[in-house]
Structures are given as C-alpha cells and as structure tokens.
Protein backbone atom coordinates (compact mmCIF):
# COMPACT_ATOMS: atom_id res chain seq x y z
CA MET A 1 0.00 0.00 0.00
CA GLU A 2 2.86 2.37 0.76
CA LEU A 3 4.31 1.76 -2.69
CA LEU A 4 1.04 2.99 -4.18
CA PHE A 5 1.20 6.17 -2.11
CA VAL A 6 4.82 6.91 -2.96
CA VAL A 7 4.13 6.36 -6.69
CA LEU A 8 1.17 8.73 -6.44
CA GLY A 9 3.41 11.27 -4.70
CA GLY A 10 6.01 10.95 -7.44
CA ALA A 11 3.35 11.45 -10.10
CA ILE A 12 2.05 14.56 -8.31
CA LEU A 13 5.58 15.97 -8.08
CA GLY A 14 6.06 15.22 -11.77
CA LEU A 15 2.79 16.94 -12.57
CA GLY A 16 3.97 19.97 -10.63
CA ALA A 17 7.29 19.95 -12.49
CA ARG A 18 5.46 19.70 -15.81
CA TYR A 19 3.40 22.81 -15.17
CA LEU A 20 5.98 24.88 -13.26
CA LEU A 21 8.92 24.48 -15.63
CA PRO A 22 9.18 26.05 -19.10
CA LEU A 23 8.87 24.35 -22.51
CA ARG A 24 6.00 22.09 -21.50
CA HIS A 25 4.64 22.28 -25.04
CA THR A 26 7.53 20.14 -26.26
CA HIS A 27 6.49 16.89 -24.57
CA GLY A 28 3.36 14.96 -23.75
CA VAL A 29 1.08 15.59 -20.82
CA LEU A 30 1.93 12.37 -18.99
CA LEU A 31 5.66 12.03 -19.75
CA ILE A 32 7.09 14.03 -16.83
CA PRO A 33 4.57 12.71 -14.26
CA ALA A 34 5.30 9.16 -15.43
CA ILE A 35 9.03 9.74 -14.99
CA GLY A 36 8.39 11.04 -11.46
CA ALA A 37 6.19 8.05 -10.62
CA GLY A 38 8.68 5.57 -12.04
CA ALA A 39 11.61 7.14 -10.21
CA ALA A 40 9.71 7.09 -6.92
CA ALA A 41 8.80 3.43 -7.37
CA ILE A 42 12.33 2.38 -8.29
CA VAL A 43 13.92 4.26 -5.39
CA TRP A 44 11.32 2.97 -2.91
CA VAL A 45 11.80 -0.66 -3.94
CA ALA A 46 15.60 -0.32 -3.95
CA LEU A 47 15.58 1.18 -0.46
CA THR A 48 13.28 -1.52 0.89
CA TRP A 49 15.59 -4.15 -0.56
CA LEU A 50 18.45 -2.43 1.24
CA GLY A 51 16.57 -2.87 4.49
CA TRP A 52 15.09 0.58 5.06
CA ALA A 53 11.89 0.39 7.06
CA TRP A 54 8.79 1.31 5.07
CA ASP A 55 7.29 3.05 8.08
CA GLY A 56 10.36 5.24 8.60
CA GLY A 57 10.42 8.84 7.50
CA TRP A 58 13.68 8.83 5.56
CA ILE A 59 12.53 6.34 2.94
CA TRP A 60 9.66 8.70 2.11
CA VAL A 61 11.89 11.76 1.99
CA VAL A 62 14.54 10.14 -0.20
CA SER A 63 12.02 8.56 -2.57
CA LEU A 64 10.04 11.74 -3.10
CA VAL A 65 13.07 14.02 -3.38
CA VAL A 66 14.64 11.76 -6.01
CA ALA A 67 11.31 11.59 -7.86
CA GLY A 68 11.00 15.37 -7.89
CA LEU A 69 14.59 15.83 -9.03
CA ALA A 70 14.21 13.22 -11.77
CA ALA A 71 11.03 14.85 -13.04
CA ALA A 72 12.55 18.34 -13.01
CA ALA A 73 15.76 17.18 -14.68
CA SER A 74 13.77 15.37 -17.36
CA ALA A 75 11.69 18.46 -18.07
CA TYR A 76 14.82 20.62 -18.34
CA LEU A 77 16.60 18.14 -20.63
CA ILE A 78 13.73 17.09 -22.88
CA GLY A 79 12.43 20.58 -23.68
CA PRO A 80 15.51 22.16 -25.31
CA LYS A 81 16.51 18.94 -27.05
CA ARG A 82 13.04 18.62 -28.56
CA GLU A 83 13.06 22.25 -29.72
CA ARG A 84 16.42 21.75 -31.47
CA ALA A 85 15.21 18.54 -33.09
CA ASP A 86 11.99 20.21 -34.26
CA ALA A 87 13.92 23.16 -35.73
CA GLU A 88 16.32 20.82 -37.55
CA LEU A 89 13.43 18.78 -38.94
CA PHE A 90 11.65 21.93 -40.08
CA GLU A 91 14.78 23.17 -41.85
CA ARG A 92 15.29 19.82 -43.52
CA LEU A 93 11.68 19.52 -44.65
CA SER A 94 11.42 23.14 -45.82
CA ARG A 95 14.09 22.51 -48.46
CA PRO A 96 13.13 19.22 -50.10
CA GLY A 97 15.57 19.54 -53.00
CA THR A 98 18.64 19.79 -50.78
CA ALA A 99 17.90 16.82 -48.54
CA THR A 100 19.94 13.72 -49.16
CA PRO A 101 17.94 10.56 -49.68
CA ALA A 102 18.07 7.98 -46.91
CA ARG A 103 18.59 5.12 -49.34
CA ALA A 104 19.67 5.15 -52.92
CA ALA A 105 17.21 3.29 -55.07
CA THR A 106 18.82 0.84 -57.43
CA VAL A 107 17.09 -0.34 -60.52
CA GLY A 108 18.19 -3.63 -61.78
C-alpha cells in the first residue's frame, strides 16, 4: 500500500514539475509525471531491498526528493533537445531539393 502512495506522490511531483517548468509544449502531458512516478517506485523498492523500514520517514523523503529531481531534470533536458530537433526537422523539410535521400534506389 505504501508503494502505491509513494508512486502517487512521485506522479504529483512530476505533474507539478510539468506545469511549473518552461517548454512544456515540447512533450506529452503524462511524460514528466510518469518519470516522477517511475523514479519514486524504483527508489522505494531499492531502499526496501536495502533494508530501510517502510514506516520510517527517511525512505519517504529520499524517494520523493529523487522523484521530484528526476522529473525536473527530465523536463529541463527534454524541452531544449526537442526544440532543437523540431527546428532541424523543419529546416530539412522546408528545403526538399537539398535533402539527401536515406537510401539510394537501385534499378536492376
């Protein structure tokens, strides 16, 4: 049951990161919250395997802080990279005569 709550907390932190950080138009609505939820689940399970008590406070703090940091870092990294990739694709598609073909067609 605690795993469900920590995953929900990671998703909420990811949702907050999605709407508080810039360039949110460059990725999907659920990408950053899903990264936050996944990070929280992975950290929680890893810490329980290491013997941390699930009813202790530090496992909650570490899991949620890592989830928030992972979501924020993902939002900061995905946004600019996606903008550059979109600009490069636009430039390539706006000049169809100058693009090199992916494969040379051979007739024979």
